[in-house]
Amino acid sequence: MSTTAIIKKAWDEPDFKQQLLDNPIQAIKQAFGIAMPAGSNLKVVEETATKHYLIIPPRPESSLVAEENVRKYVWF
């Protein structure tokens, strides 16, 4: 499962998009069968032509090259 599939479904299905914005963990579980670990929090926001977001991942525990650590934070 990739984020591309989730985004495409949101583009194609306005009801799913609204569910994703309102309760993303439940929407993803219902639509794709993906359950996030207990205690997880997920925020979904919608970008527009004038509204953009920059996501800053957690700082890696060690001083290894950041590129080696980035992917370990992807949950699906």
PDB file of N, CA and C in Angstrom:
ATOM      1  N   MET A   1       0.856  -1.177   0.000  1.00  0.00           N
ATOM      2  CA  MET A   1       0.000   0.000   0.000  1.00  0.00           C
ATOM      3  C   MET A   1       0.900   1.237   0.000  1.00  0.00           C
ATOM      4  N   SER A   2       0.538   2.175  -0.810  1.00  0.00           N
ATOM      5  CA  SER A   2       1.318   3.407  -0.888  1.00  0.00           C
ATOM      6  C   SER A   2       0.423   4.610  -0.634  1.00  0.00           C
ATOM      7  N   THR A   3       1.050   5.716  -0.336  1.00  0.00           N
ATOM      8  CA  THR A   3       0.288   6.950  -0.158  1.00  0.00           C
ATOM      9  C   THR A   3      -0.387   7.342  -1.461  1.00  0.00           C
ATOM     10  N   THR A   4       0.180   6.953  -2.592  1.00  0.00           N
ATOM     11  CA  THR A   4      -0.419   7.267  -3.892  1.00  0.00           C
ATOM     12  C   THR A   4      -1.818   6.683  -4.003  1.00  0.00           C
ATOM     13  N   ALA A   5      -2.020   5.453  -3.543  1.00  0.00           N
ATOM     14  CA  ALA A   5      -3.342   4.815  -3.604  1.00  0.00           C
ATOM     15  C   ALA A   5      -4.348   5.560  -2.739  1.00  0.00           C
ATOM     16  N   ILE A   6      -3.912   6.006  -1.578  1.00  0.00           N
ATOM     17  CA  ILE A   6      -4.803   6.750  -0.674  1.00  0.00           C
ATOM     18  C   ILE A   6      -5.188   8.087  -1.301  1.00  0.00           C
ATOM     19  N   ILE A   7      -4.212   8.787  -1.857  1.00  0.00           N
ATOM     20  CA  ILE A   7      -4.464  10.086  -2.489  1.00  0.00           C
ATOM     21  C   ILE A   7      -5.389   9.932  -3.692  1.00  0.00           C
ATOM     22  N   LYS A   8      -5.136   8.928  -4.531  1.00  0.00           N
ATOM     23  CA  LYS A   8      -5.984   8.706  -5.703  1.00  0.00           C
ATOM     24  C   LYS A   8      -7.422   8.437  -5.288  1.00  0.00           C
ATOM     25  N   LYS A   9      -7.616   7.618  -4.270  1.00  0.00           N
ATOM     26  CA  LYS A   9      -8.971   7.333  -3.787  1.00  0.00           C
ATOM     27  C   LYS A   9      -9.634   8.617  -3.288  1.00  0.00           C
ATOM     28  N   ALA A  10      -8.883   9.466  -2.601  1.00  0.00           N
ATOM     29  CA  ALA A  10      -9.429  10.738  -2.111  1.00  0.00           C
ATOM     30  C   ALA A  10      -9.812  11.654  -3.277  1.00  0.00           C
ATOM     31  N   TRP A  11      -9.019  11.670  -4.329  1.00  0.00           N
ATOM     32  CA  TRP A  11      -9.348  12.478  -5.511  1.00  0.00           C
ATOM     33  C   TRP A  11     -10.598  11.944  -6.208  1.00  0.00           C
ATOM     34  N   ASP A  12     -10.714  10.615  -6.276  1.00  0.00           N
ATOM     35  CA  ASP A  12     -11.809   9.982  -7.007  1.00  0.00           C
ATOM     36  C   ASP A  12     -13.117   9.917  -6.226  1.00  0.00           C
ATOM     37  N   GLU A  13     -13.022   9.906  -4.896  1.00  0.00           N
ATOM     38  CA  GLU A  13     -14.208   9.696  -4.065  1.00  0.00           C
ATOM     39  C   GLU A  13     -14.314  10.797  -2.991  1.00  0.00           C
ATOM     40  N   PRO A  14     -15.124  11.816  -3.245  1.00  0.00           N
ATOM     41  CA  PRO A  14     -15.259  12.929  -2.294  1.00  0.00           C
ATOM     42  C   PRO A  14     -15.664  12.492  -0.880  1.00  0.00           C
ATOM     43  N   ASP A  15     -16.500  11.463  -0.766  1.00  0.00           N
ATOM     44  CA  ASP A  15     -16.901  10.995   0.572  1.00  0.00           C
ATOM     45  C   ASP A  15     -15.709  10.422   1.336  1.00  0.00           C
ATOM     46  N   PHE A  16     -14.875   9.645   0.634  1.00  0.00           N
ATOM     47  CA  PHE A  16     -13.674   9.106   1.278  1.00  0.00           C
ATOM     48  C   PHE A  16     -12.740  10.237   1.677  1.00  0.00           C
ATOM     49  N   LYS A  17     -12.584  11.216   0.812  1.00  0.00           N
ATOM     50  CA  LYS A  17     -11.717  12.362   1.121  1.00  0.00           C
ATOM     51  C   LYS A  17     -12.169  13.050   2.397  1.00  0.00           C
ATOM     52  N   GLN A  18     -13.463  13.245   2.552  1.00  0.00           N
ATOM     53  CA  GLN A  18     -13.966  13.887   3.767  1.00  0.00           C
ATOM     54  C   GLN A  18     -13.729  13.010   4.997  1.00  0.00           C
ATOM     55  N   GLN A  19     -13.935  11.704   4.850  1.00  0.00           N
ATOM     56  CA  GLN A  19     -13.663  10.781   5.959  1.00  0.00           C
ATOM     57  C   GLN A  19     -12.184  10.824   6.332  1.00  0.00           C
ATOM     58  N   LEU A  20     -11.330  10.892   5.318  1.00  0.00           N
ATOM     59  CA  LEU A  20      -9.891  10.950   5.537  1.00  0.00           C
ATOM     60  C   LEU A  20      -9.503  12.218   6.294  1.00  0.00           C
ATOM     61  N   LEU A  21     -10.128  13.323   5.959  1.00  0.00           N
ATOM     62  CA  LEU A  21      -9.855  14.584   6.658  1.00  0.00           C
ATOM     63  C   LEU A  21     -10.405  14.557   8.085  1.00  0.00           C
ATOM     64  N   ASP A  22     -11.575  13.930   8.273  1.00  0.00           N
ATOM     65  CA  ASP A  22     -12.233  13.910   9.586  1.00  0.00           C
ATOM     66  C   ASP A  22     -11.636  12.882  10.545  1.00  0.00           C
ATOM     67  N   ASN A  23     -11.356  11.685  10.057  1.00  0.00           N
ATOM     68  CA  ASN A  23     -10.862  10.596  10.901  1.00  0.00           C
ATOM     69  C   ASN A  23      -9.963   9.695  10.057  1.00  0.00           C
ATOM     70  N   PRO A  24      -8.723  10.115   9.828  1.00  0.00           N
ATOM     71  CA  PRO A  24      -7.861   9.406   8.884  1.00  0.00           C
ATOM     72  C   PRO A  24      -7.552   7.957   9.267  1.00  0.00           C
ATOM     73  N   ILE A  25      -7.342   7.681  10.530  1.00  0.00           N
ATOM     74  CA  ILE A  25      -7.004   6.314  10.933  1.00  0.00           C
ATOM     75  C   ILE A  25      -8.154   5.366  10.617  1.00  0.00           C
ATOM     76  N   GLN A  26      -9.360   5.773  10.935  1.00  0.00           N
ATOM     77  CA  GLN A  26     -10.532   4.946  10.656  1.00  0.00           C
ATOM     78  C   GLN A  26     -10.769   4.833   9.144  1.00  0.00           C
ATOM     79  N   ALA A  27     -10.630   5.916   8.418  1.00  0.00           N
ATOM     80  CA  ALA A  27     -10.864   5.899   6.967  1.00  0.00           C
ATOM     81  C   ALA A  27      -9.904   4.951   6.261  1.00  0.00           C
ATOM     82  N   ILE A  28      -8.636   4.987   6.630  1.00  0.00           N
ATOM     83  CA  ILE A  28      -7.639   4.119   6.000  1.00  0.00           C
ATOM     84  C   ILE A  28      -7.877   2.660   6.379  1.00  0.00           C
ATOM     85  N   LYS A  29      -8.252   2.428   7.623  1.00  0.00           N
ATOM     86  CA  LYS A  29      -8.540   1.056   8.050  1.00  0.00           C
ATOM     87  C   LYS A  29      -9.738   0.494   7.290  1.00  0.00           C
ATOM     88  N   GLN A  30     -10.799   1.274   7.175  1.00  0.00           N
ATOM     89  CA  GLN A  30     -11.999   0.806   6.477  1.00  0.00           C
ATOM     90  C   GLN A  30     -11.747   0.593   4.984  1.00  0.00           C
ATOM     91  N   ALA A  31     -11.030   1.505   4.364  1.00  0.00           N
ATOM     92  CA  ALA A  31     -10.841   1.445   2.912  1.00  0.00           C
ATOM     93  C   ALA A  31      -9.763   0.454   2.480  1.00  0.00           C
ATOM     94  N   PHE A  32      -8.708   0.314   3.282  1.00  0.00           N
ATOM     95  CA  PHE A  32      -7.557  -0.476   2.858  1.00  0.00           C
ATOM     96  C   PHE A  32      -7.181  -1.607   3.809  1.00  0.00           C
ATOM     97  N   GLY A  33      -7.840  -1.670   4.960  1.00  0.00           N
ATOM     98  CA  GLY A  33      -7.525  -2.719   5.924  1.00  0.00           C
ATOM     99  C   GLY A  33      -6.205  -2.509   6.649  1.00  0.00           C
ATOM    100  N   ILE A  34      -5.712  -1.291   6.651  1.00  0.00           N
ATOM    101  CA  ILE A  34      -4.446  -0.973   7.319  1.00  0.00           C
ATOM    102  C   ILE A  34      -4.757  -0.419   8.705  1.00  0.00           C
ATOM    103  N   ALA A  35      -4.257  -1.088   9.729  1.00  0.00           N
ATOM    104  CA  ALA A  35      -4.444  -0.623  11.102  1.00  0.00           C
ATOM    105  C   ALA A  35      -3.124  -0.058  11.610  1.00  0.00           C
ATOM    106  N   MET A  36      -3.175   1.152  12.096  1.00  0.00           N
ATOM    107  CA  MET A  36      -1.977   1.763  12.667  1.00  0.00           C
ATOM    108  C   MET A  36      -1.790   1.256  14.092  1.00  0.00           C
ATOM    109  N   PRO A  37      -0.563   1.279  14.586  1.00  0.00           N
ATOM    110  CA  PRO A  37      -0.313   0.824  15.952  1.00  0.00           C
ATOM    111  C   PRO A  37      -1.111   1.640  16.977  1.00  0.00           C
ATOM    112  N   ALA A  38      -1.477   1.002  18.072  1.00  0.00           N
ATOM    113  CA  ALA A  38      -2.206   1.687  19.148  1.00  0.00           C
ATOM    114  C   ALA A  38      -1.428   2.918  19.589  1.00  0.00           C
ATOM    115  N   GLY A  39      -2.154   3.973  19.849  1.00  0.00           N
ATOM    116  CA  GLY A  39      -1.540   5.220  20.296  1.00  0.00           C
ATOM    117  C   GLY A  39      -1.046   6.105  19.167  1.00  0.00           C
ATOM    118  N   SER A  40      -1.206   5.641  17.927  1.00  0.00           N
ATOM    119  CA  SER A  40      -0.770   6.445  16.776  1.00  0.00           C
ATOM    120  C   SER A  40      -1.713   7.617  16.565  1.00  0.00           C
ATOM    121  N   ASN A  41      -1.166   8.667  15.998  1.00  0.00           N
ATOM    122  CA  ASN A  41      -1.929   9.852  15.653  1.00  0.00           C
ATOM    123  C   ASN A  41      -1.582  10.183  14.202  1.00  0.00           C
ATOM    124  N   LEU A  42      -2.582  10.487  13.406  1.00  0.00           N
ATOM    125  CA  LEU A  42      -2.360  10.823  12.009  1.00  0.00           C
ATOM    126  C   LEU A  42      -3.192  12.045  11.669  1.00  0.00           C
ATOM    127  N   LYS A  43      -2.558  13.041  11.105  1.00  0.00           N
ATOM    128  CA  LYS A  43      -3.270  14.248  10.688  1.00  0.00           C
ATOM    129  C   LYS A  43      -3.191  14.341   9.170  1.00  0.00           C
ATOM    130  N   VAL A  44      -4.347  14.501   8.543  1.00  0.00           N
ATOM    131  CA  VAL A  44      -4.424  14.661   7.094  1.00  0.00           C
ATOM    132  C   VAL A  44      -4.859  16.089   6.821  1.00  0.00           C
ATOM    133  N   VAL A  45      -4.144  16.753   5.945  1.00  0.00           N
ATOM    134  CA  VAL A  45      -4.476  18.120   5.555  1.00  0.00           C
ATOM    135  C   VAL A  45      -4.547  18.180   4.042  1.00  0.00           C
ATOM    136  N   GLU A  46      -5.306  19.117   3.530  1.00  0.00           N
ATOM    137  CA  GLU A  46      -5.450  19.267   2.089  1.00  0.00           C
ATOM    138  C   GLU A  46      -4.712  20.511   1.625  1.00  0.00           C
ATOM    139  N   GLU A  47      -3.754  20.312   0.736  1.00  0.00           N
ATOM    140  CA  GLU A  47      -3.049  21.451   0.158  1.00  0.00           C
ATOM    141  C   GLU A  47      -3.928  22.097  -0.907  1.00  0.00           C
ATOM    142  N   THR A  48      -3.680  23.372  -1.126  1.00  0.00           N
ATOM    143  CA  THR A  48      -4.357  24.105  -2.195  1.00  0.00           C
ATOM    144  C   THR A  48      -3.282  24.790  -3.039  1.00  0.00           C
ATOM    145  N   ALA A  49      -3.708  25.554  -4.002  1.00  0.00           N
ATOM    146  CA  ALA A  49      -2.742  26.272  -4.847  1.00  0.00           C
ATOM    147  C   ALA A  49      -1.932  27.277  -4.042  1.00  0.00           C
ATOM    148  N   THR A  50      -2.475  27.724  -2.914  1.00  0.00           N
ATOM    149  CA  THR A  50      -1.778  28.742  -2.117  1.00  0.00           C
ATOM    150  C   THR A  50      -1.418  28.280  -0.707  1.00  0.00           C
ATOM    151  N   LYS A  51      -1.829  27.086  -0.325  1.00  0.00           N
ATOM    152  CA  LYS A  51      -1.542  26.570   1.015  1.00  0.00           C
ATOM    153  C   LYS A  51      -0.667  25.327   0.884  1.00  0.00           C
ATOM    154  N   HIS A  52       0.535  25.368   1.475  1.00  0.00           N
ATOM    155  CA  HIS A  52       1.504  24.287   1.354  1.00  0.00           C
ATOM    156  C   HIS A  52       1.970  23.872   2.740  1.00  0.00           C
ATOM    157  N   TYR A  53       2.483  22.639   2.851  1.00  0.00           N
ATOM    158  CA  TYR A  53       2.934  22.105   4.137  1.00  0.00           C
ATOM    159  C   TYR A  53       4.314  21.494   3.982  1.00  0.00           C
ATOM    160  N   LEU A  54       5.114  21.626   5.003  1.00  0.00           N
ATOM    161  CA  LEU A  54       6.430  21.004   5.069  1.00  0.00           C
ATOM    162  C   LEU A  54       6.416  20.091   6.288  1.00  0.00           C
ATOM    163  N   ILE A  55       6.706  18.822   6.095  1.00  0.00           N
ATOM    164  CA  ILE A  55       6.701  17.858   7.185  1.00  0.00           C
ATOM    165  C   ILE A  55       8.135  17.662   7.659  1.00  0.00           C
ATOM    166  N   ILE A  56       8.361  17.848   8.937  1.00  0.00           N
ATOM    167  CA  ILE A  56       9.681  17.649   9.529  1.00  0.00           C
ATOM    168  C   ILE A  56       9.625  16.336  10.306  1.00  0.00           C
ATOM    169  N   PRO A  57      10.337  15.299   9.852  1.00  0.00           N
ATOM    170  CA  PRO A  57      10.310  14.014  10.554  1.00  0.00           C
ATOM    171  C   PRO A  57      11.100  14.091  11.857  1.00  0.00           C
ATOM    172  N   PRO A  58      10.921  13.092  12.726  1.00  0.00           N
ATOM    173  CA  PRO A  58      11.703  13.076  13.968  1.00  0.00           C
ATOM    174  C   PRO A  58      13.197  13.031  13.647  1.00  0.00           C
ATOM    175  N   ARG A  59      13.977  13.643  14.510  1.00  0.00           N
ATOM    176  CA  ARG A  59      15.425  13.634  14.316  1.00  0.00           C
ATOM    177  C   ARG A  59      15.947  12.217  14.560  1.00  0.00           C
ATOM    178  N   PRO A  60      16.806  11.718  13.673  1.00  0.00           N
ATOM    179  CA  PRO A  60      17.381  10.380  13.872  1.00  0.00           C
ATOM    180  C   PRO A  60      18.153  10.312  15.187  1.00  0.00           C
ATOM    181  N   GLU A  61      18.150   9.131  15.793  1.00  0.00           N
ATOM    182  CA  GLU A  61      18.826   8.946  17.085  1.00  0.00           C
ATOM    183  C   GLU A  61      20.337   9.109  16.978  1.00  0.00           C
ATOM    184  N   SER A  62      20.891   8.763  15.837  1.00  0.00           N
ATOM    185  CA  SER A  62      22.338   8.844  15.685  1.00  0.00           C
ATOM    186  C   SER A  62      22.700   9.920  14.662  1.00  0.00           C
ATOM    187  N   SER A  63      23.955  10.102  14.455  1.00  0.00           N
ATOM    188  CA  SER A  63      24.396  11.118  13.503  1.00  0.00           C
ATOM    189  C   SER A  63      24.649  10.518  12.131  1.00  0.00           C
ATOM    190  N   LEU A  64      24.029   9.366  11.828  1.00  0.00           N
ATOM    191  CA  LEU A  64      24.162   8.778  10.502  1.00  0.00           C
ATOM    192  C   LEU A  64      23.575   9.726   9.469  1.00  0.00           C
ATOM    193  N   VAL A  65      23.931   9.533   8.256  1.00  0.00           N
ATOM    194  CA  VAL A  65      23.413  10.349   7.167  1.00  0.00           C
ATOM    195  C   VAL A  65      21.889  10.288   7.202  1.00  0.00           C
ATOM    196  N   ALA A  66      21.240  11.441   7.159  1.00  0.00           N
ATOM    197  CA  ALA A  66      19.786  11.522   7.274  1.00  0.00           C
ATOM    198  C   ALA A  66      19.090  10.628   6.257  1.00  0.00           C
ATOM    199  N   GLU A  67      19.613  10.528   5.060  1.00  0.00           N
ATOM    200  CA  GLU A  67      18.988   9.718   4.010  1.00  0.00           C
ATOM    201  C   GLU A  67      18.825   8.268   4.452  1.00  0.00           C
ATOM    202  N   GLU A  68      19.729   7.760   5.268  1.00  0.00           N
ATOM    203  CA  GLU A  68      19.660   6.381   5.743  1.00  0.00           C
ATOM    204  C   GLU A  68      18.548   6.196   6.765  1.00  0.00           C
ATOM    205  N   ASN A  69      18.090   7.266   7.395  1.00  0.00           N
ATOM    206  CA  ASN A  69      17.115   7.169   8.475  1.00  0.00           C
ATOM    207  C   ASN A  69      15.699   7.567   8.081  1.00  0.00           C
ATOM    208  N   VAL A  70      15.544   8.313   7.029  1.00  0.00           N
ATOM    209  CA  VAL A  70      14.235   8.871   6.693  1.00  0.00           C
ATOM    210  C   VAL A  70      13.190   7.789   6.495  1.00  0.00           C
ATOM    211  N   ARG A  71      13.446   6.762   5.729  1.00  0.00           N
ATOM    212  CA  ARG A  71      12.443   5.752   5.386  1.00  0.00           C
ATOM    213  C   ARG A  71      11.970   4.942   6.587  1.00  0.00           C
ATOM    214  N   LYS A  72      12.710   4.855   7.667  1.00  0.00           N
ATOM    215  CA  LYS A  72      12.256   4.033   8.782  1.00  0.00           C
ATOM    216  C   LYS A  72      11.034   4.622   9.464  1.00  0.00           C
ATOM    217  N   TYR A  73      10.661   5.846   9.158  1.00  0.00           N
ATOM    218  CA  TYR A  73       9.497   6.485   9.763  1.00  0.00           C
ATOM    219  C   TYR A  73       8.234   6.334   8.934  1.00  0.00           C
ATOM    220  N   VAL A  74       8.314   5.721   7.768  1.00  0.00           N
ATOM    221  CA  VAL A  74       7.128   5.491   6.946  1.00  0.00           C
ATOM    222  C   VAL A  74       6.394   4.306   7.520  1.00  0.00           C
ATOM    223  N   TRP A  75       5.095   4.437   7.780  1.00  0.00           N
ATOM    224  CA  TRP A  75       4.351   3.396   8.482  1.00  0.00           C
ATOM    225  C   TRP A  75       3.629   2.428   7.583  1.00  0.00           C
ATOM    226  N   PHE A  76       3.618   2.639   6.296  1.00  0.00           N
ATOM    227  CA  PHE A  76       2.985   1.658   5.406  1.00  0.00           C
ATOM    228  C   PHE A  76       3.709   1.577   4.101  1.00  0.00           C
TER     229      PHE A  76
END
